[in-house]
Amino acid sequence: MVGLGTVINMGAVVAGAAVGVGLGGRLPARVRETVMDGLGLLTFIMGLRMAFETKQFLIVLGSILLGGLIGEALDIERRLERFGDRLQARLASGSGTFSTGFVTASLLFCVGPMAVLGSIEDGLKGSVEILTVKSILDGFAALAFASTLGWGVAFSALSLFVYQGALTLGAGFFDRVLSDAMIAEMTAVGGLLVLSIGLRLLGLREIRTGNLLPSLALAPVLVVVADRAAALVR
């Protein structure tokens, strides 16, 4: 069962996106461009701050390299885009930015420590404090994104449903398994993914961020491998 925190988060994203779409048509193109540049800069700084959480740079490096290879083999980015295109076709939306909005918002809202920690806390204690704060942030971000990228941003709520819902359901397991060191390295890897989104929003580089998603799962695994290797050396 999806936790209350995730339901609140989904509602905030949909509401923010609806307001953003309503405002978007009234904003001149240059204003929308400036808003997107501002979002790109803020996203870039947020990713940078998260990336500095690392205590073991080699784990982040290994996670990104190996995760990128796995993601390219699975072609995750293209699968996400195709899913967004199918949603667009079903809704008969004329916006060419639908898929971009869906993929970009999905990645941004799901990558980060608040999604992980908030979902686990919701599942274990029924506390929605972290996810409520995240909902406020995501709602405003959805408003800004949707003003330029359209309704695809609202449908990123489906990604929250799947991702955060799974974390809430498996809260007991993840709480036992994930140490502070693992969460720190996952946060750092997530920061690099957020940085790549910032570069995309600024039009500097079209990084296939979706293909780097396996890096998040690899980070805690490599922490365990590094700890055991260090124990053998001692």
Protein backbone atom coordinates (compact mmCIF):
# COMPACT_ATOMS: atom_id res chain seq x y z
CA MET A 1 0.00 0.00 0.00
CA VAL A 2 1.34 3.43 -0.97
CA GLY A 3 1.95 5.62 2.07
CA LEU A 4 0.13 8.86 2.84
CA GLY A 5 3.34 10.82 2.29
CA THR A 6 3.59 9.64 -1.32
CA VAL A 7 -0.09 10.46 -1.92
CA ILE A 8 0.54 14.00 -0.62
CA ASN A 9 3.64 14.26 -2.82
CA MET A 10 1.73 13.14 -5.91
CA GLY A 11 -1.05 15.62 -5.19
CA ALA A 12 1.42 18.48 -4.80
CA VAL A 13 3.09 17.66 -8.12
CA VAL A 14 -0.21 17.44 -10.01
CA ALA A 15 -1.53 20.64 -8.42
CA GLY A 16 1.71 22.52 -9.08
CA ALA A 17 1.80 21.32 -12.66
CA ALA A 18 -1.83 22.32 -13.24
CA VAL A 19 -1.11 25.85 -12.02
CA GLY A 20 2.06 25.95 -14.12
CA VAL A 21 0.24 24.89 -17.29
CA GLY A 22 -2.41 27.54 -16.61
CA LEU A 23 0.23 30.22 -16.22
CA GLY A 24 2.46 29.01 -19.04
CA GLY A 25 0.22 30.14 -21.86
CA ARG A 26 0.10 33.63 -20.41
CA LEU A 27 3.86 34.01 -20.08
CA PRO A 28 5.92 35.45 -22.96
CA ALA A 29 8.51 33.10 -24.47
CA ARG A 30 11.41 35.11 -23.04
CA VAL A 31 9.93 34.85 -19.54
CA ARG A 32 9.53 31.07 -19.88
CA GLU A 33 13.14 30.85 -21.10
CA THR A 34 14.38 32.85 -18.11
CA VAL A 35 12.37 30.65 -15.72
CA MET A 36 13.90 27.53 -17.27
CA ASP A 37 17.40 28.99 -16.99
CA GLY A 38 16.76 29.79 -13.32
CA LEU A 39 15.53 26.25 -12.71
CA GLY A 40 18.59 24.88 -14.44
CA LEU A 41 20.91 26.91 -12.22
CA LEU A 42 19.07 25.91 -9.03
CA THR A 43 19.03 22.26 -10.08
CA PHE A 44 22.75 22.42 -10.81
CA ILE A 45 23.55 23.90 -7.36
CA MET A 46 21.30 21.36 -5.61
CA GLY A 47 23.08 18.51 -7.37
CA LEU A 48 26.46 19.96 -6.47
CA ARG A 49 25.55 20.14 -2.78
CA MET A 50 24.32 16.54 -2.82
CA ALA A 51 27.45 15.32 -4.62
CA PHE A 52 29.67 16.72 -1.85
CA GLU A 53 28.03 14.29 0.61
CA THR A 54 30.43 11.58 -0.54
CA LYS A 55 33.06 10.27 1.84
CA GLN A 56 34.43 7.74 -0.66
CA PHE A 57 34.93 9.27 -4.10
CA LEU A 58 35.97 5.97 -5.70
CA ILE A 59 32.60 4.45 -4.81
CA VAL A 60 30.82 7.29 -6.58
CA LEU A 61 33.14 6.89 -9.57
CA GLY A 62 32.59 3.13 -9.73
CA SER A 63 28.83 3.50 -9.32
CA ILE A 64 28.56 6.03 -12.15
CA LEU A 65 30.78 4.07 -14.55
CA LEU A 66 29.24 0.64 -13.90
CA GLY A 67 25.73 2.05 -13.62
CA GLY A 68 26.15 3.87 -16.91
CA LEU A 69 27.20 0.66 -18.65
CA ILE A 70 24.18 -1.19 -17.26
CA GLY A 71 21.84 1.67 -18.11
CA GLU A 72 23.11 1.88 -21.68
CA ALA A 73 22.67 -1.87 -22.10
CA LEU A 74 19.08 -1.61 -20.82
CA ASP A 75 18.51 1.67 -22.70
CA ILE A 76 16.52 3.07 -19.77
CA GLU A 77 16.39 6.63 -21.09
CA ARG A 78 14.75 5.61 -24.35
CA ARG A 79 12.28 3.37 -22.50
CA LEU A 80 11.25 6.31 -20.31
CA GLU A 81 10.86 8.54 -23.36
CA ARG A 82 8.76 5.91 -25.14
CA PHE A 83 6.54 5.62 -22.08
CA GLY A 84 6.11 9.39 -22.09
CA ASP A 85 5.34 9.33 -25.81
CA ARG A 86 2.68 6.64 -25.26
CA LEU A 87 1.08 8.75 -22.54
CA GLN A 88 1.11 11.73 -24.87
CA ALA A 89 -0.49 9.69 -27.67
CA ARG A 90 -3.23 8.37 -25.37
CA LEU A 91 -4.03 11.89 -24.20
CA ALA A 92 -3.86 13.26 -27.75
CA SER A 93 -1.68 16.07 -26.44
CA GLY A 94 -0.25 18.37 -29.06
CA SER A 95 2.70 19.43 -26.95
CA GLY A 96 6.05 18.24 -28.24
CA THR A 97 7.53 18.77 -24.78
CA PHE A 98 5.29 16.22 -23.03
CA SER A 99 7.88 13.43 -22.97
CA THR A 100 10.66 15.83 -21.98
CA GLY A 101 8.56 17.13 -19.09
CA PHE A 102 7.67 13.63 -17.92
CA VAL A 103 11.23 12.28 -18.01
CA THR A 104 12.90 15.38 -16.57
CA ALA A 105 10.43 15.78 -13.70
CA SER A 106 10.39 12.05 -12.93
CA LEU A 107 14.16 11.95 -12.60
CA LEU A 108 14.33 15.12 -10.51
CA PHE A 109 11.54 14.18 -8.10
CA CYS A 110 12.71 10.60 -7.56
CA VAL A 111 16.45 11.17 -7.26
CA GLY A 112 17.53 12.37 -3.84
CA PRO A 113 17.72 11.41 -0.18
CA MET A 114 14.34 12.87 0.77
CA ALA A 115 12.54 10.41 -1.49
CA VAL A 116 14.39 7.47 0.08
CA LEU A 117 14.39 8.54 3.73
CA GLY A 118 10.87 9.99 3.63
CA SER A 119 9.38 6.86 2.08
CA ILE A 120 11.10 4.59 4.60
CA GLU A 121 9.99 6.74 7.53
CA ASP A 122 6.44 6.73 6.17
CA GLY A 123 6.46 2.96 5.95
CA LEU A 124 8.02 2.32 9.37
CA LYS A 125 6.44 5.01 11.53
CA GLY A 126 3.61 6.43 9.47
CA SER A 127 5.39 9.81 9.68
CA VAL A 128 4.97 12.05 6.64
CA GLU A 129 7.12 14.95 7.85
CA ILE A 130 9.98 14.50 5.37
CA LEU A 131 7.70 13.80 2.42
CA THR A 132 5.51 16.78 3.29
CA VAL A 133 8.53 19.08 3.05
CA LYS A 134 9.53 17.35 -0.19
CA SER A 135 5.96 17.80 -1.48
CA ILE A 136 6.14 21.56 -1.00
CA LEU A 137 9.45 21.74 -2.85
CA ASP A 138 8.26 19.43 -5.64
CA GLY A 139 5.00 21.35 -5.99
CA PHE A 140 6.76 24.63 -6.66
CA ALA A 141 9.25 22.92 -8.97
CA ALA A 142 6.36 21.27 -10.86
CA LEU A 143 4.72 24.68 -11.27
CA ALA A 144 7.87 26.16 -12.78
CA PHE A 145 8.61 23.15 -15.02
CA ALA A 146 5.03 22.82 -16.26
CA SER A 147 4.92 26.49 -17.25
CA THR A 148 7.41 25.61 -19.99
CA LEU A 149 7.19 21.83 -20.43
CA GLY A 150 3.46 21.25 -20.06
CA TRP A 151 1.35 18.38 -18.77
CA GLY A 152 4.12 15.78 -18.94
CA VAL A 153 5.34 17.15 -15.60
CA ALA A 154 2.04 16.22 -13.92
CA PHE A 155 2.37 12.62 -15.06
CA SER A 156 5.69 12.31 -13.23
CA ALA A 157 3.38 11.64 -10.26
CA LEU A 158 3.12 8.10 -11.68
CA SER A 159 6.87 7.70 -11.23
CA LEU A 160 6.54 8.84 -7.60
CA PHE A 161 3.77 6.28 -7.10
CA VAL A 162 5.97 3.43 -8.32
CA TYR A 163 9.31 4.50 -6.79
CA GLN A 164 8.31 5.91 -3.43
CA GLY A 165 5.50 3.39 -3.07
CA ALA A 166 7.99 0.52 -3.47
CA LEU A 167 10.31 2.09 -0.88
CA THR A 168 7.43 2.49 1.58
CA LEU A 169 6.32 -1.11 1.09
CA GLY A 170 9.87 -2.37 1.61
CA ALA A 171 10.61 0.09 4.43
CA GLY A 172 11.47 -2.56 7.01
CA PHE A 173 13.96 -4.23 4.70
CA PHE A 174 15.62 -1.02 3.51
CA ASP A 175 15.87 0.35 7.06
CA ARG A 176 17.78 -2.76 8.14
CA VAL A 177 20.00 -2.85 5.07
CA LEU A 178 20.90 0.79 4.37
CA SER A 179 23.59 2.24 6.64
CA ASP A 180 24.45 5.93 6.97
CA ALA A 181 27.47 5.35 4.73
CA MET A 182 25.31 3.77 2.04
CA ILE A 183 22.80 6.63 2.13
CA ALA A 184 25.63 9.18 1.93
CA GLU A 185 27.05 7.59 -1.22
CA MET A 186 23.59 7.17 -2.75
CA THR A 187 23.02 10.88 -2.08
CA ALA A 188 26.30 11.78 -3.75
CA VAL A 189 25.52 9.65 -6.80
CA GLY A 190 22.03 11.14 -6.92
CA GLY A 191 23.64 14.57 -6.80
CA LEU A 192 25.58 13.83 -9.97
CA LEU A 193 22.37 12.75 -11.65
CA VAL A 194 20.69 15.98 -10.55
CA LEU A 195 23.71 17.90 -11.90
CA SER A 196 23.20 16.23 -15.26
CA ILE A 197 19.57 17.35 -15.26
CA GLY A 198 20.74 20.90 -14.57
CA LEU A 199 23.09 20.75 -17.57
CA ARG A 200 20.20 19.57 -19.72
CA LEU A 201 17.87 22.34 -18.54
CA LEU A 202 20.55 24.92 -19.27
CA GLY A 203 20.96 23.53 -22.78
CA LEU A 204 24.65 22.81 -22.19
CA ARG A 205 24.67 19.05 -22.64
CA GLU A 206 22.03 16.38 -23.36
CA ILE A 207 23.18 13.75 -20.87
CA ARG A 208 21.19 10.50 -20.88
CA THR A 209 20.47 10.72 -17.15
CA GLY A 210 18.00 7.83 -17.24
CA ASN A 211 20.80 5.49 -18.27
CA LEU A 212 22.70 6.45 -15.11
CA LEU A 213 19.88 5.39 -12.76
CA PRO A 214 21.40 1.95 -11.97
CA SER A 215 24.23 3.88 -10.29
CA LEU A 216 21.90 4.62 -7.37
CA ALA A 217 21.41 0.92 -6.68
CA LEU A 218 25.10 0.14 -7.15
CA ALA A 219 26.34 2.73 -4.63
CA PRO A 220 25.28 0.82 -1.46
CA VAL A 221 26.52 -2.45 -2.96
CA LEU A 222 29.96 -0.97 -3.59
CA VAL A 223 30.03 0.39 -0.02
CA VAL A 224 29.63 -3.19 1.25
CA VAL A 225 32.28 -4.46 -1.17
CA ALA A 226 34.72 -1.73 -0.09
CA ASP A 227 34.10 -2.40 3.62
CA ARG A 228 34.70 -6.13 3.23
CA ALA A 229 37.81 -5.56 1.13
CA ALA A 230 39.16 -3.22 3.81
CA ALA A 231 38.42 -5.81 6.49
CA LEU A 232 40.40 -8.45 4.58
CA VAL A 233 43.39 -6.13 4.25
CA ARG A 234 43.54 -5.42 8.00
